[in-house]
Amino acid sequence: MVKLNLILFLVVIAAALGVITSQHKARKLYIELQQQEDEAKQYEIEWGQLQLEQSTWAMHSRIEQIAERRLNMQVPDPSRIQVVAP
């Protein structure tokens, strides 16, 4: 009977240690998941900012100003514009 109680006691201790270990791993993984989700949110914010910056750089008015200033380009007179039919 004493042997059986000792074996059962050891089994209970082993099971308790297994539960503790699995809970600890689960908590660590949950913390890592939260960190990854925060990082993903930051990347989404940065992506939105980069898209806004790209649209700013590609604005027609900005491109027109650069063409006028740096390349000395001018808009032609309406009388010199010819529309070609497809």
C-alpha atoms as a PDB file:
ATOM      1  CA  MET A   1       0.000   0.000   0.000  1.00  0.00           C
ATOM      2  CA  VAL A   2       2.850   2.368   0.807  1.00  0.00           C
ATOM      3  CA  LYS A   3       4.431   1.647  -2.567  1.00  0.00           C
ATOM      4  CA  LEU A   4       1.169   2.388  -4.341  1.00  0.00           C
ATOM      5  CA  ASN A   5       0.756   5.669  -2.453  1.00  0.00           C
ATOM      6  CA  LEU A   6       4.336   6.646  -3.283  1.00  0.00           C
ATOM      7  CA  ILE A   7       3.837   5.836  -6.975  1.00  0.00           C
ATOM      8  CA  LEU A   8       0.576   7.782  -7.082  1.00  0.00           C
ATOM      9  CA  PHE A   9       2.237  10.696  -5.298  1.00  0.00           C
ATOM     10  CA  LEU A  10       5.052  10.751  -7.862  1.00  0.00           C
ATOM     11  CA  VAL A  11       2.541  10.572 -10.723  1.00  0.00           C
ATOM     12  CA  VAL A  12       0.607  13.514  -9.266  1.00  0.00           C
ATOM     13  CA  ILE A  13       3.833  15.527  -8.860  1.00  0.00           C
ATOM     14  CA  ALA A  14       4.858  14.734 -12.453  1.00  0.00           C
ATOM     15  CA  ALA A  15       1.420  15.741 -13.746  1.00  0.00           C
ATOM     16  CA  ALA A  16       1.523  18.973 -11.756  1.00  0.00           C
ATOM     17  CA  LEU A  17       4.964  19.800 -13.144  1.00  0.00           C
ATOM     18  CA  GLY A  18       3.663  19.062 -16.655  1.00  0.00           C
ATOM     19  CA  VAL A  19       0.725  21.421 -16.160  1.00  0.00           C
ATOM     20  CA  ILE A  20       2.999  24.150 -14.807  1.00  0.00           C
ATOM     21  CA  THR A  21       5.402  23.742 -17.720  1.00  0.00           C
ATOM     22  CA  SER A  22       2.641  23.820 -20.328  1.00  0.00           C
ATOM     23  CA  GLN A  23       1.033  26.916 -18.763  1.00  0.00           C
ATOM     24  CA  HIS A  24       4.383  28.682 -18.717  1.00  0.00           C
ATOM     25  CA  LYS A  25       4.973  27.862 -22.403  1.00  0.00           C
ATOM     26  CA  ALA A  26       1.448  28.988 -23.278  1.00  0.00           C
ATOM     27  CA  ARG A  27       1.974  32.318 -21.512  1.00  0.00           C
ATOM     28  CA  LYS A  28       5.295  32.864 -23.247  1.00  0.00           C
ATOM     29  CA  LEU A  29       3.709  32.116 -26.619  1.00  0.00           C
ATOM     30  CA  TYR A  30       0.790  34.447 -25.890  1.00  0.00           C
ATOM     31  CA  ILE A  31       3.196  37.262 -24.982  1.00  0.00           C
ATOM     32  CA  GLU A  32       5.114  36.636 -28.200  1.00  0.00           C
ATOM     33  CA  LEU A  33       1.848  36.675 -30.157  1.00  0.00           C
ATOM     34  CA  GLN A  34       0.916  40.039 -28.645  1.00  0.00           C
ATOM     35  CA  GLN A  35       4.325  41.441 -29.558  1.00  0.00           C
ATOM     36  CA  GLN A  36       3.987  40.182 -33.128  1.00  0.00           C
ATOM     37  CA  GLU A  37       0.519  41.725 -33.428  1.00  0.00           C
ATOM     38  CA  ASP A  38       1.846  45.061 -32.144  1.00  0.00           C
ATOM     39  CA  GLU A  39       4.669  44.883 -34.660  1.00  0.00           C
ATOM     40  CA  ALA A  40       2.181  44.109 -37.454  1.00  0.00           C
ATOM     41  CA  LYS A  41       0.118  47.155 -36.457  1.00  0.00           C
ATOM     42  CA  GLN A  42       3.243  49.314 -36.607  1.00  0.00           C
ATOM     43  CA  TYR A  43       4.045  47.955 -40.077  1.00  0.00           C
ATOM     44  CA  GLU A  44       0.503  48.745 -41.225  1.00  0.00           C
ATOM     45  CA  ILE A  45       0.867  52.316 -39.941  1.00  0.00           C
ATOM     46  CA  GLU A  46       4.230  52.675 -41.677  1.00  0.00           C
ATOM     47  CA  TRP A  47       2.759  51.233 -44.891  1.00  0.00           C
ATOM     48  CA  GLY A  48      -0.038  53.790 -44.813  1.00  0.00           C
ATOM     49  CA  GLN A  49       2.449  56.596 -44.262  1.00  0.00           C
ATOM     50  CA  LEU A  50       4.592  55.388 -47.150  1.00  0.00           C
ATOM     51  CA  GLN A  51       1.561  55.231 -49.442  1.00  0.00           C
ATOM     52  CA  LEU A  52       0.649  58.785 -48.460  1.00  0.00           C
ATOM     53  CA  GLU A  53       4.203  59.911 -49.114  1.00  0.00           C
ATOM     54  CA  GLN A  54       4.230  58.185 -52.493  1.00  0.00           C
ATOM     55  CA  SER A  55       0.979  59.844 -53.512  1.00  0.00           C
ATOM     56  CA  THR A  56       2.404  63.200 -52.436  1.00  0.00           C
ATOM     57  CA  TRP A  57       5.535  62.697 -54.524  1.00  0.00           C
ATOM     58  CA  ALA A  58       3.461  61.693 -57.552  1.00  0.00           C
ATOM     59  CA  MET A  59       1.036  64.645 -57.480  1.00  0.00           C
ATOM     60  CA  HIS A  60       0.528  66.208 -60.892  1.00  0.00           C
ATOM     61  CA  SER A  61       1.131  69.721 -59.614  1.00  0.00           C
ATOM     62  CA  ARG A  62       4.480  68.708 -58.119  1.00  0.00           C
ATOM     63  CA  ILE A  63       5.546  66.978 -61.322  1.00  0.00           C
ATOM     64  CA  GLU A  64       4.483  70.015 -63.334  1.00  0.00           C
ATOM     65  CA  GLN A  65       6.516  72.332 -61.088  1.00  0.00           C
ATOM     66  CA  ILE A  66       9.600  70.162 -61.460  1.00  0.00           C
ATOM     67  CA  ALA A  67       9.145  70.051 -65.231  1.00  0.00           C
ATOM     68  CA  GLU A  68       8.921  73.849 -65.362  1.00  0.00           C
ATOM     69  CA  ARG A  69      11.804  74.586 -62.969  1.00  0.00           C
ATOM     70  CA  ARG A  70      14.397  71.910 -63.675  1.00  0.00           C
ATOM     71  CA  LEU A  71      13.668  70.971 -67.266  1.00  0.00           C
ATOM     72  CA  ASN A  72      12.466  74.394 -68.471  1.00  0.00           C
ATOM     73  CA  MET A  73       9.361  72.796 -69.959  1.00  0.00           C
ATOM     74  CA  GLN A  74       6.247  74.804 -70.705  1.00  0.00           C
ATOM     75  CA  VAL A  75       2.658  73.953 -71.485  1.00  0.00           C
ATOM     76  CA  PRO A  76       2.077  74.541 -75.205  1.00  0.00           C
ATOM     77  CA  ASP A  77      -0.476  77.010 -76.475  1.00  0.00           C
ATOM     78  CA  PRO A  78      -3.908  75.486 -77.057  1.00  0.00           C
ATOM     79  CA  SER A  79      -3.627  76.391 -80.741  1.00  0.00           C
ATOM     80  CA  ARG A  80      -0.558  74.140 -81.056  1.00  0.00           C
ATOM     81  CA  ILE A  81      -2.181  71.102 -79.443  1.00  0.00           C
ATOM     82  CA  GLN A  82      -3.419  68.435 -81.835  1.00  0.00           C
ATOM     83  CA  VAL A  83      -5.690  65.637 -80.679  1.00  0.00           C
ATOM     84  CA  VAL A  84      -5.137  62.372 -82.503  1.00  0.00           C
ATOM     85  CA  ALA A  85      -8.147  60.100 -82.830  1.00  0.00           C
ATOM     86  CA  PRO A  86      -7.539  56.432 -81.986  1.00  0.00           C
END
